PDB file of N, CA and C in Angstrom:
ATOM      1  N   MET A   1       0.079  18.743  60.430  1.00  0.00           N
ATOM      2  CA  MET A   1       0.512  17.367  60.594  1.00  0.00           C
ATOM      3  C   MET A   1       0.971  17.178  62.034  1.00  0.00           C
ATOM      4  N   LEU A   2       0.318  16.313  62.738  1.00  0.00           N
ATOM      5  CA  LEU A   2       0.718  15.989  64.095  1.00  0.00           C
ATOM      6  C   LEU A   2       1.941  15.102  64.034  1.00  0.00           C
ATOM      7  N   ILE A   3       2.978  15.491  64.739  1.00  0.00           N
ATOM      8  CA  ILE A   3       4.198  14.689  64.697  1.00  0.00           C
ATOM      9  C   ILE A   3       4.139  13.593  65.744  1.00  0.00           C
ATOM     10  N   ALA A   4       4.034  13.992  67.012  1.00  0.00           N
ATOM     11  CA  ALA A   4       4.066  12.978  68.067  1.00  0.00           C
ATOM     12  C   ALA A   4       3.750  13.597  69.405  1.00  0.00           C
ATOM     13  N   SER A   5       3.458  12.723  70.335  1.00  0.00           N
ATOM     14  CA  SER A   5       3.367  13.159  71.712  1.00  0.00           C
ATOM     15  C   SER A   5       4.768  13.498  72.176  1.00  0.00           C
ATOM     16  N   LEU A   6       4.884  14.513  72.979  1.00  0.00           N
ATOM     17  CA  LEU A   6       6.195  14.869  73.515  1.00  0.00           C
ATOM     18  C   LEU A   6       6.559  13.884  74.607  1.00  0.00           C
ATOM     19  N   SER A   7       7.823  13.463  74.630  1.00  0.00           N
ATOM     20  CA  SER A   7       8.248  12.540  75.671  1.00  0.00           C
ATOM     21  C   SER A   7       8.140  13.227  77.023  1.00  0.00           C
ATOM     22  N   ASN A   8       7.721  12.497  78.014  1.00  0.00           N
ATOM     23  CA  ASN A   8       7.577  12.990  79.391  1.00  0.00           C
ATOM     24  C   ASN A   8       6.559  14.120  79.531  1.00  0.00           C
ATOM     25  N   ALA A   9       5.610  14.229  78.619  1.00  0.00           N
ATOM     26  CA  ALA A   9       4.642  15.323  78.695  1.00  0.00           C
ATOM     27  C   ALA A   9       3.228  14.753  78.701  1.00  0.00           C
ATOM     28  N   ASN A  10       2.544  14.921  79.794  1.00  0.00           N
ATOM     29  CA  ASN A  10       1.185  14.431  79.903  1.00  0.00           C
ATOM     30  C   ASN A  10       0.237  15.248  79.041  1.00  0.00           C
ATOM     31  N   HIS A  11      -0.357  14.594  78.064  1.00  0.00           N
ATOM     32  CA  HIS A  11      -1.390  15.174  77.204  1.00  0.00           C
ATOM     33  C   HIS A  11      -0.909  16.254  76.242  1.00  0.00           C
ATOM     34  N   TYR A  12       0.381  16.541  76.161  1.00  0.00           N
ATOM     35  CA  TYR A  12       0.882  17.533  75.207  1.00  0.00           C
ATOM     36  C   TYR A  12       1.355  16.834  73.942  1.00  0.00           C
ATOM     37  N   GLU A  13       1.068  17.466  72.805  1.00  0.00           N
ATOM     38  CA  GLU A  13       1.526  16.949  71.525  1.00  0.00           C
ATOM     39  C   GLU A  13       2.089  18.113  70.719  1.00  0.00           C
ATOM     40  N   PHE A  14       2.876  17.767  69.715  1.00  0.00           N
ATOM     41  CA  PHE A  14       3.586  18.761  68.925  1.00  0.00           C
ATOM     42  C   PHE A  14       3.321  18.494  67.451  1.00  0.00           C
ATOM     43  N   GLY A  15       3.067  19.535  66.689  1.00  0.00           N
ATOM     44  CA  GLY A  15       2.800  19.362  65.269  1.00  0.00           C
ATOM     45  C   GLY A  15       3.473  20.428  64.431  1.00  0.00           C
ATOM     46  N   ILE A  16       3.628  20.139  63.143  1.00  0.00           N
ATOM     47  CA  ILE A  16       4.176  21.103  62.186  1.00  0.00           C
ATOM     48  C   ILE A  16       3.321  21.018  60.934  1.00  0.00           C
ATOM     49  N   GLU A  17       3.028  22.175  60.354  1.00  0.00           N
ATOM     50  CA  GLU A  17       2.331  22.204  59.084  1.00  0.00           C
ATOM     51  C   GLU A  17       2.868  23.319  58.220  1.00  0.00           C
ATOM     52  N   ARG A  18       2.697  23.184  56.925  1.00  0.00           N
ATOM     53  CA  ARG A  18       3.106  24.228  55.994  1.00  0.00           C
ATOM     54  C   ARG A  18       2.050  25.324  56.035  1.00  0.00           C
ATOM     55  N   PHE A  19       2.510  26.586  56.016  1.00  0.00           N
ATOM     56  CA  PHE A  19       1.591  27.717  56.087  1.00  0.00           C
ATOM     57  C   PHE A  19       2.161  28.885  55.280  1.00  0.00           C
ATOM     58  N   LYS A  20       1.603  29.120  54.105  1.00  0.00           N
ATOM     59  CA  LYS A  20       1.996  30.245  53.254  1.00  0.00           C
ATOM     60  C   LYS A  20       3.508  30.319  53.023  1.00  0.00           C
ATOM     61  N   GLY A  21       4.101  29.204  52.646  1.00  0.00           N
ATOM     62  CA  GLY A  21       5.529  29.164  52.357  1.00  0.00           C
ATOM     63  C   GLY A  21       6.426  29.102  53.581  1.00  0.00           C
ATOM     64  N   ARG A  22       5.850  29.038  54.733  1.00  0.00           N
ATOM     65  CA  ARG A  22       6.603  28.934  55.987  1.00  0.00           C
ATOM     66  C   ARG A  22       6.150  27.677  56.712  1.00  0.00           C
ATOM     67  N   LEU A  23       6.679  27.473  57.910  1.00  0.00           N
ATOM     68  CA  LEU A  23       6.246  26.360  58.749  1.00  0.00           C
ATOM     69  C   LEU A  23       5.530  26.906  59.970  1.00  0.00           C
ATOM     70  N   ARG A  24       4.536  26.188  60.384  1.00  0.00           N
ATOM     71  CA  ARG A  24       3.781  26.558  61.577  1.00  0.00           C
ATOM     72  C   ARG A  24       3.972  25.446  62.599  1.00  0.00           C
ATOM     73  N   PHE A  25       4.561  25.784  63.744  1.00  0.00           N
ATOM     74  CA  PHE A  25       4.778  24.845  64.847  1.00  0.00           C
ATOM     75  C   PHE A  25       3.626  24.997  65.824  1.00  0.00           C
ATOM     76  N   ILE A  26       3.030  23.886  66.221  1.00  0.00           N
ATOM     77  CA  ILE A  26       1.832  23.928  67.045  1.00  0.00           C
ATOM     78  C   ILE A  26       2.009  23.050  68.277  1.00  0.00           C
ATOM     79  N   ILE A  27       1.563  23.562  69.421  1.00  0.00           N
ATOM     80  CA  ILE A  27       1.504  22.762  70.647  1.00  0.00           C
ATOM     81  C   ILE A  27       0.025  22.528  70.946  1.00  0.00           C
ATOM     82  N   TYR A  28      -0.295  21.256  71.176  1.00  0.00           N
ATOM     83  CA  TYR A  28      -1.659  20.857  71.516  1.00  0.00           C
ATOM     84  C   TYR A  28      -1.681  20.350  72.953  1.00  0.00           C
ATOM     85  N   PHE A  29      -2.774  20.620  73.622  1.00  0.00           N
ATOM     86  CA  PHE A  29      -3.012  20.048  74.953  1.00  0.00           C
ATOM     87  C   PHE A  29      -4.364  19.361  74.884  1.00  0.00           C
ATOM     88  N   LYS A  30      -4.365  18.061  75.096  1.00  0.00           N
ATOM     89  CA  LYS A  30      -5.584  17.253  74.986  1.00  0.00           C
ATOM     90  C   LYS A  30      -6.306  17.551  73.679  1.00  0.00           C
ATOM     91  N   GLU A  31      -5.556  17.530  72.577  1.00  0.00           N
ATOM     92  CA  GLU A  31      -6.043  17.699  71.208  1.00  0.00           C
ATOM     93  C   GLU A  31      -6.532  19.118  70.891  1.00  0.00           C
ATOM     94  N   GLU A  32      -6.366  20.067  71.791  1.00  0.00           N
ATOM     95  CA  GLU A  32      -6.742  21.454  71.535  1.00  0.00           C
ATOM     96  C   GLU A  32      -5.484  22.286  71.313  1.00  0.00           C
ATOM     97  N   GLU A  33      -5.464  23.069  70.231  1.00  0.00           N
ATOM     98  CA  GLU A  33      -4.317  23.920  69.942  1.00  0.00           C
ATOM     99  C   GLU A  33      -4.220  25.022  70.994  1.00  0.00           C
ATOM    100  N   ILE A  34      -3.046  25.112  71.652  1.00  0.00           N
ATOM    101  CA  ILE A  34      -2.888  26.141  72.681  1.00  0.00           C
ATOM    102  C   ILE A  34      -1.857  27.199  72.298  1.00  0.00           C
ATOM    103  N   ALA A  35      -1.004  26.908  71.319  1.00  0.00           N
ATOM    104  CA  ALA A  35      -0.009  27.896  70.888  1.00  0.00           C
ATOM    105  C   ALA A  35       0.573  27.485  69.547  1.00  0.00           C
ATOM    106  N   CYS A  36       1.017  28.505  68.800  1.00  0.00           N
ATOM    107  CA  CYS A  36       1.704  28.206  67.548  1.00  0.00           C
ATOM    108  C   CYS A  36       2.753  29.273  67.283  1.00  0.00           C
ATOM    109  N   ARG A  37       3.673  28.933  66.403  1.00  0.00           N
ATOM    110  CA  ARG A  37       4.743  29.839  66.000  1.00  0.00           C
ATOM    111  C   ARG A  37       5.036  29.588  64.528  1.00  0.00           C
ATOM    112  N   LYS A  38       5.120  30.627  63.729  1.00  0.00           N
ATOM    113  CA  LYS A  38       5.431  30.499  62.306  1.00  0.00           C
ATOM    114  C   LYS A  38       6.880  30.903  62.078  1.00  0.00           C
ATOM    115  N   GLU A  39       7.578  30.144  61.222  1.00  0.00           N
ATOM    116  CA  GLU A  39       8.988  30.429  60.962  1.00  0.00           C
ATOM    117  C   GLU A  39       9.361  29.981  59.563  1.00  0.00           C
ATOM    118  N   ASP A  40      10.407  30.591  59.027  1.00  0.00           N
ATOM    119  CA  ASP A  40      10.930  30.267  57.709  1.00  0.00           C
ATOM    120  C   ASP A  40      11.763  28.990  57.771  1.00  0.00           C
ATOM    121  N   ILE A  41      11.697  28.188  56.733  1.00  0.00           N
ATOM    122  CA  ILE A  41      12.407  26.905  56.706  1.00  0.00           C
ATOM    123  C   ILE A  41      13.920  27.078  56.780  1.00  0.00           C
ATOM    124  N   LYS A  42      14.474  28.152  56.215  1.00  0.00           N
ATOM    125  CA  LYS A  42      15.926  28.359  56.246  1.00  0.00           C
ATOM    126  C   LYS A  42      16.435  28.529  57.671  1.00  0.00           C
ATOM    127  N   VAL A  43      15.702  29.259  58.475  1.00  0.00           N
ATOM    128  CA  VAL A  43      16.083  29.458  59.879  1.00  0.00           C
ATOM    129  C   VAL A  43      16.062  28.126  60.614  1.00  0.00           C
ATOM    130  N   LEU A  44      15.051  27.332  60.356  1.00  0.00           N
ATOM    131  CA  LEU A  44      14.903  26.049  61.046  1.00  0.00           C
ATOM    132  C   LEU A  44      15.939  25.028  60.618  1.00  0.00           C
ATOM    133  N   THR A  45      16.303  25.035  59.364  1.00  0.00           N
ATOM    134  CA  THR A  45      17.312  24.088  58.885  1.00  0.00           C
ATOM    135  C   THR A  45      18.630  24.275  59.626  1.00  0.00           C
ATOM    136  N   SER A  46      19.079  25.505  59.764  1.00  0.00           N
ATOM    137  CA  SER A  46      20.337  25.734  60.485  1.00  0.00           C
ATOM    138  C   SER A  46      20.171  25.446  61.977  1.00  0.00           C
ATOM    139  N   PHE A  47      18.998  25.718  62.522  1.00  0.00           N
ATOM    140  CA  PHE A  47      18.728  25.431  63.932  1.00  0.00           C
ATOM    141  C   PHE A  47      18.820  23.937  64.220  1.00  0.00           C
ATOM    142  N   PHE A  48      18.213  23.104  63.380  1.00  0.00           N
ATOM    143  CA  PHE A  48      18.217  21.661  63.604  1.00  0.00           C
ATOM    144  C   PHE A  48      19.614  21.076  63.556  1.00  0.00           C
ATOM    145  N   ARG A  49      20.493  21.690  62.797  1.00  0.00           N
ATOM    146  CA  ARG A  49      21.868  21.185  62.667  1.00  0.00           C
ATOM    147  C   ARG A  49      22.759  21.627  63.815  1.00  0.00           C
ATOM    148  N   SER A  50      22.310  22.512  64.648  1.00  0.00           N
ATOM    149  CA  SER A  50      23.126  23.034  65.749  1.00  0.00           C
ATOM    150  C   SER A  50      22.853  22.260  67.041  1.00  0.00           C
ATOM    151  N   THR A  51      23.662  22.551  68.038  1.00  0.00           N
ATOM    152  CA  THR A  51      23.495  21.936  69.349  1.00  0.00           C
ATOM    153  C   THR A  51      23.657  23.006  70.420  1.00  0.00           C
ATOM    154  N   GLY A  52      22.806  22.961  71.425  1.00  0.00           N
ATOM    155  CA  GLY A  52      22.935  23.860  72.574  1.00  0.00           C
ATOM    156  C   GLY A  52      22.447  25.272  72.355  1.00  0.00           C
ATOM    157  N   ILE A  53      21.632  25.497  71.319  1.00  0.00           N
ATOM    158  CA  ILE A  53      21.088  26.835  71.134  1.00  0.00           C
ATOM    159  C   ILE A  53      19.569  26.771  71.130  1.00  0.00           C
ATOM    160  N   GLY A  54      18.947  27.903  71.369  1.00  0.00           N
ATOM    161  CA  GLY A  54      17.501  27.981  71.372  1.00  0.00           C
ATOM    162  C   GLY A  54      17.003  28.816  70.211  1.00  0.00           C
ATOM    163  N   ILE A  55      15.714  28.715  69.975  1.00  0.00           N
ATOM    164  CA  ILE A  55      15.089  29.482  68.909  1.00  0.00           C
ATOM    165  C   ILE A  55      13.698  29.903  69.368  1.00  0.00           C
ATOM    166  N   PHE A  56      13.232  31.000  68.836  1.00  0.00           N
ATOM    167  CA  PHE A  56      11.933  31.602  69.088  1.00  0.00           C
ATOM    168  C   PHE A  56      11.948  32.419  70.373  1.00  0.00           C
ATOM    169  N   GLN A  57      11.119  33.400  70.392  1.00  0.00           N
ATOM    170  CA  GLN A  57      10.859  34.211  71.580  1.00  0.00           C
ATOM    171  C   GLN A  57       9.369  34.097  71.853  1.00  0.00           C
ATOM    172  N   GLY A  58       8.945  34.357  73.048  1.00  0.00           N
ATOM    173  CA  GLY A  58       7.521  34.280  73.359  1.00  0.00           C
ATOM    174  C   GLY A  58       7.161  33.004  74.078  1.00  0.00           C
ATOM    175  N   ARG A  59       5.920  32.578  73.878  1.00  0.00           N
ATOM    176  CA  ARG A  59       5.414  31.425  74.631  1.00  0.00           C
ATOM    177  C   ARG A  59       6.055  30.107  74.228  1.00  0.00           C
ATOM    178  N   ILE A  60       6.348  29.916  72.936  1.00  0.00           N
ATOM    179  CA  ILE A  60       6.971  28.671  72.478  1.00  0.00           C
ATOM    180  C   ILE A  60       8.456  28.906  72.263  1.00  0.00           C
ATOM    181  N   LYS A  61       9.256  28.026  72.804  1.00  0.00           N
ATOM    182  CA  LYS A  61      10.707  28.051  72.582  1.00  0.00           C
ATOM    183  C   LYS A  61      11.163  26.628  72.307  1.00  0.00           C
ATOM    184  N   LEU A  62      12.122  26.506  71.412  1.00  0.00           N
ATOM    185  CA  LEU A  62      12.724  25.212  71.117  1.00  0.00           C
ATOM    186  C   LEU A  62      14.208  25.295  71.422  1.00  0.00           C
ATOM    187  N   ARG A  63      14.768  24.214  71.936  1.00  0.00           N
ATOM    188  CA  ARG A  63      16.197  24.167  72.230  1.00  0.00           C
ATOM    189  C   ARG A  63      16.773  22.919  71.578  1.00  0.00           C
ATOM    190  N   SER A  64      17.799  23.136  70.760  1.00  0.00           N
ATOM    191  CA  SER A  64      18.442  22.038  70.045  1.00  0.00           C
ATOM    192  C   SER A  64      19.485  21.378  70.938  1.00  0.00           C
ATOM    193  N   GLU A  65      19.341  20.092  71.138  1.00  0.00           N
ATOM    194  CA  GLU A  65      20.308  19.306  71.896  1.00  0.00           C
ATOM    195  C   GLU A  65      20.966  18.322  70.930  1.00  0.00           C
ATOM    196  N   LEU A  66      21.770  17.438  71.434  1.00  0.00           N
ATOM    197  CA  LEU A  66      22.531  16.523  70.588  1.00  0.00           C
ATOM    198  C   LEU A  66      21.652  15.724  69.627  1.00  0.00           C
ATOM    199  N   ASP A  67      20.669  15.012  70.144  1.00  0.00           N
ATOM    200  CA  ASP A  67      19.835  14.168  69.284  1.00  0.00           C
ATOM    201  C   ASP A  67      18.343  14.454  69.404  1.00  0.00           C
ATOM    202  N   HIS A  68      17.986  15.520  70.119  1.00  0.00           N
ATOM    203  CA  HIS A  68      16.580  15.850  70.285  1.00  0.00           C
ATOM    204  C   HIS A  68      16.360  17.366  70.363  1.00  0.00           C
ATOM    205  N   ILE A  69      15.110  17.757  70.259  1.00  0.00           N
ATOM    206  CA  ILE A  69      14.701  19.146  70.405  1.00  0.00           C
ATOM    207  C   ILE A  69      13.812  19.221  71.645  1.00  0.00           C
ATOM    208  N   ALA A  70      14.194  20.064  72.594  1.00  0.00           N
ATOM    209  CA  ALA A  70      13.369  20.288  73.782  1.00  0.00           C
ATOM    210  C   ALA A  70      12.343  21.365  73.451  1.00  0.00           C
ATOM    211  N   VAL A  71      11.093  21.138  73.859  1.00  0.00           N
ATOM    212  CA  VAL A  71      10.003  22.057  73.571  1.00  0.00           C
ATOM    213  C   VAL A  71       9.555  22.708  74.880  1.00  0.00           C
ATOM    214  N   TYR A  72       9.566  24.055  74.881  1.00  0.00           N
ATOM    215  CA  TYR A  72       9.172  24.826  76.058  1.00  0.00           C
ATOM    216  C   TYR A  72       7.904  25.617  75.751  1.00  0.00           C
ATOM    217  N   PHE A  73       7.041  25.724  76.734  1.00  0.00           N
ATOM    218  CA  PHE A  73       5.842  26.542  76.636  1.00  0.00           C
ATOM    219  C   PHE A  73       5.749  27.373  77.909  1.00  0.00           C
ATOM    220  N   LYS A  74       5.752  28.681  77.761  1.00  0.00           N
ATOM    221  CA  LYS A  74       5.718  29.619  78.884  1.00  0.00           C
ATOM    222  C   LYS A  74       6.820  29.314  79.902  1.00  0.00           C
ATOM    223  N   GLY A  75       8.015  29.005  79.395  1.00  0.00           N
ATOM    224  CA  GLY A  75       9.166  28.769  80.246  1.00  0.00           C
ATOM    225  C   GLY A  75       9.276  27.382  80.841  1.00  0.00           C
ATOM    226  N   GLU A  76       8.275  26.544  80.652  1.00  0.00           N
ATOM    227  CA  GLU A  76       8.285  25.191  81.204  1.00  0.00           C
ATOM    228  C   GLU A  76       8.589  24.188  80.095  1.00  0.00           C
ATOM    229  N   CYS A  77       9.531  23.298  80.348  1.00  0.00           N
ATOM    230  CA  CYS A  77       9.858  22.271  79.366  1.00  0.00           C
ATOM    231  C   CYS A  77       8.745  21.222  79.356  1.00  0.00           C
ATOM    232  N   LEU A  78       8.077  21.106  78.203  1.00  0.00           N
ATOM    233  CA  LEU A  78       6.985  20.143  78.085  1.00  0.00           C
ATOM    234  C   LEU A  78       7.480  18.751  77.742  1.00  0.00           C
ATOM    235  N   GLY A  79       8.641  18.679  77.149  1.00  0.00           N
ATOM    236  CA  GLY A  79       9.184  17.392  76.733  1.00  0.00           C
ATOM    237  C   GLY A  79      10.109  17.580  75.556  1.00  0.00           C
ATOM    238  N   SER A  80      10.388  16.498  74.866  1.00  0.00           N
ATOM    239  CA  SER A  80      11.312  16.575  73.736  1.00  0.00           C
ATOM    240  C   SER A  80      10.841  15.660  72.612  1.00  0.00           C
ATOM    241  N   ILE A  81      11.442  15.891  71.460  1.00  0.00           N
ATOM    242  CA  ILE A  81      11.151  15.079  70.289  1.00  0.00           C
ATOM    243  C   ILE A  81      12.467  14.830  69.566  1.00  0.00           C
ATOM    244  N   ALA A  82      12.642  13.641  69.038  1.00  0.00           N
ATOM    245  CA  ALA A  82      13.894  13.268  68.369  1.00  0.00           C
ATOM    246  C   ALA A  82      14.104  14.101  67.111  1.00  0.00           C
ATOM    247  N   LYS A  83      15.341  14.534  66.875  1.00  0.00           N
ATOM    248  CA  LYS A  83      15.656  15.305  65.670  1.00  0.00           C
ATOM    249  C   LYS A  83      15.333  14.509  64.410  1.00  0.00           C
ATOM    250  N   LYS A  84      15.592  13.219  64.417  1.00  0.00           N
ATOM    251  CA  LYS A  84      15.308  12.388  63.248  1.00  0.00           C
ATOM    252  C   LYS A  84      13.816  12.398  62.929  1.00  0.00           C
ATOM    253  N   GLU A  85      13.001  12.369  63.961  1.00  0.00           N
ATOM    254  CA  GLU A  85      11.548  12.393  63.766  1.00  0.00           C
ATOM    255  C   GLU A  85      11.102  13.718  63.147  1.00  0.00           C
ATOM    256  N   LEU A  86      11.695  14.824  63.603  1.00  0.00           N
ATOM    257  CA  LEU A  86      11.375  16.128  63.038  1.00  0.00           C
ATOM    258  C   LEU A  86      11.834  16.232  61.593  1.00  0.00           C
ATOM    259  N   GLU A  87      13.031  15.750  61.300  1.00  0.00           N
ATOM    260  CA  GLU A  87      13.543  15.804  59.932  1.00  0.00           C
ATOM    261  C   GLU A  87      12.659  14.997  58.983  1.00  0.00           C
ATOM    262  N   THR A  88      12.213  13.844  59.416  1.00  0.00           N
ATOM    263  CA  THR A  88      11.320  13.018  58.604  1.00  0.00           C
ATOM    264  C   THR A  88      10.007  13.749  58.348  1.00  0.00           C
ATOM    265  N   ALA A  89       9.461  14.370  59.386  1.00  0.00           N
ATOM    266  CA  ALA A  89       8.209  15.113  59.239  1.00  0.00           C
ATOM    267  C   ALA A  89       8.368  16.276  58.271  1.00  0.00           C
ATOM    268  N   LEU A  90       9.475  16.989  58.348  1.00  0.00           N
ATOM    269  CA  LEU A  90       9.712  18.119  57.441  1.00  0.00           C
ATOM    270  C   LEU A  90       9.794  17.658  55.991  1.00  0.00           C
ATOM    271  N   LYS A  91      10.449  16.536  55.757  1.00  0.00           N
ATOM    272  CA  LYS A  91      10.531  15.999  54.402  1.00  0.00           C
ATOM    273  C   LYS A  91       9.144  15.657  53.872  1.00  0.00           C
ATOM    274  N   GLU A  92       8.317  15.042  54.710  1.00  0.00           N
ATOM    275  CA  GLU A  92       6.950  14.689  54.301  1.00  0.00           C
ATOM    276  C   GLU A  92       6.121  15.930  54.002  1.00  0.00           C
ATOM    277  N   ILE A  93       6.294  16.968  54.797  1.00  0.00           N
ATOM    278  CA  ILE A  93       5.541  18.218  54.588  1.00  0.00           C
ATOM    279  C   ILE A  93       5.874  18.825  53.240  1.00  0.00           C
ATOM    280  N   PHE A  94       7.143  18.818  52.859  1.00  0.00           N
ATOM    281  CA  PHE A  94       7.536  19.460  51.617  1.00  0.00           C
ATOM    282  C   PHE A  94       7.421  18.566  50.392  1.00  0.00           C
ATOM    283  N   ILE A  95       7.140  17.287  50.580  1.00  0.00           N
ATOM    284  CA  ILE A  95       6.875  16.399  49.451  1.00  0.00           C
ATOM    285  C   ILE A  95       5.453  16.640  48.939  1.00  0.00           C
ATOM    286  N   ASP A  96       4.531  16.932  49.836  1.00  0.00           N
ATOM    287  CA  ASP A  96       3.115  17.154  49.459  1.00  0.00           C
ATOM    288  C   ASP A  96       2.970  18.257  48.441  1.00  0.00           C
TER     289      ASP A  96
END
């Protein structure tokens, strides 16, 4: 499920999908998947409720801020997405 274009990010988009009981976070560049990260929903739930901490190691990193999540790829901040938008997307994923 494609969530949205990242704010301030030219041609980058961010998506989440359910994958074998976990979540798969995907970064797209011009509609082509360039990276993904799989994680358990319990870890993400506590992450979304926090502020000022990061999650994931490797090419994709997320940082929880007050009202948004900053998305990093290879150490570069690609942009951000509103926490409310992510929470809505997660609810839709688990309703299916």
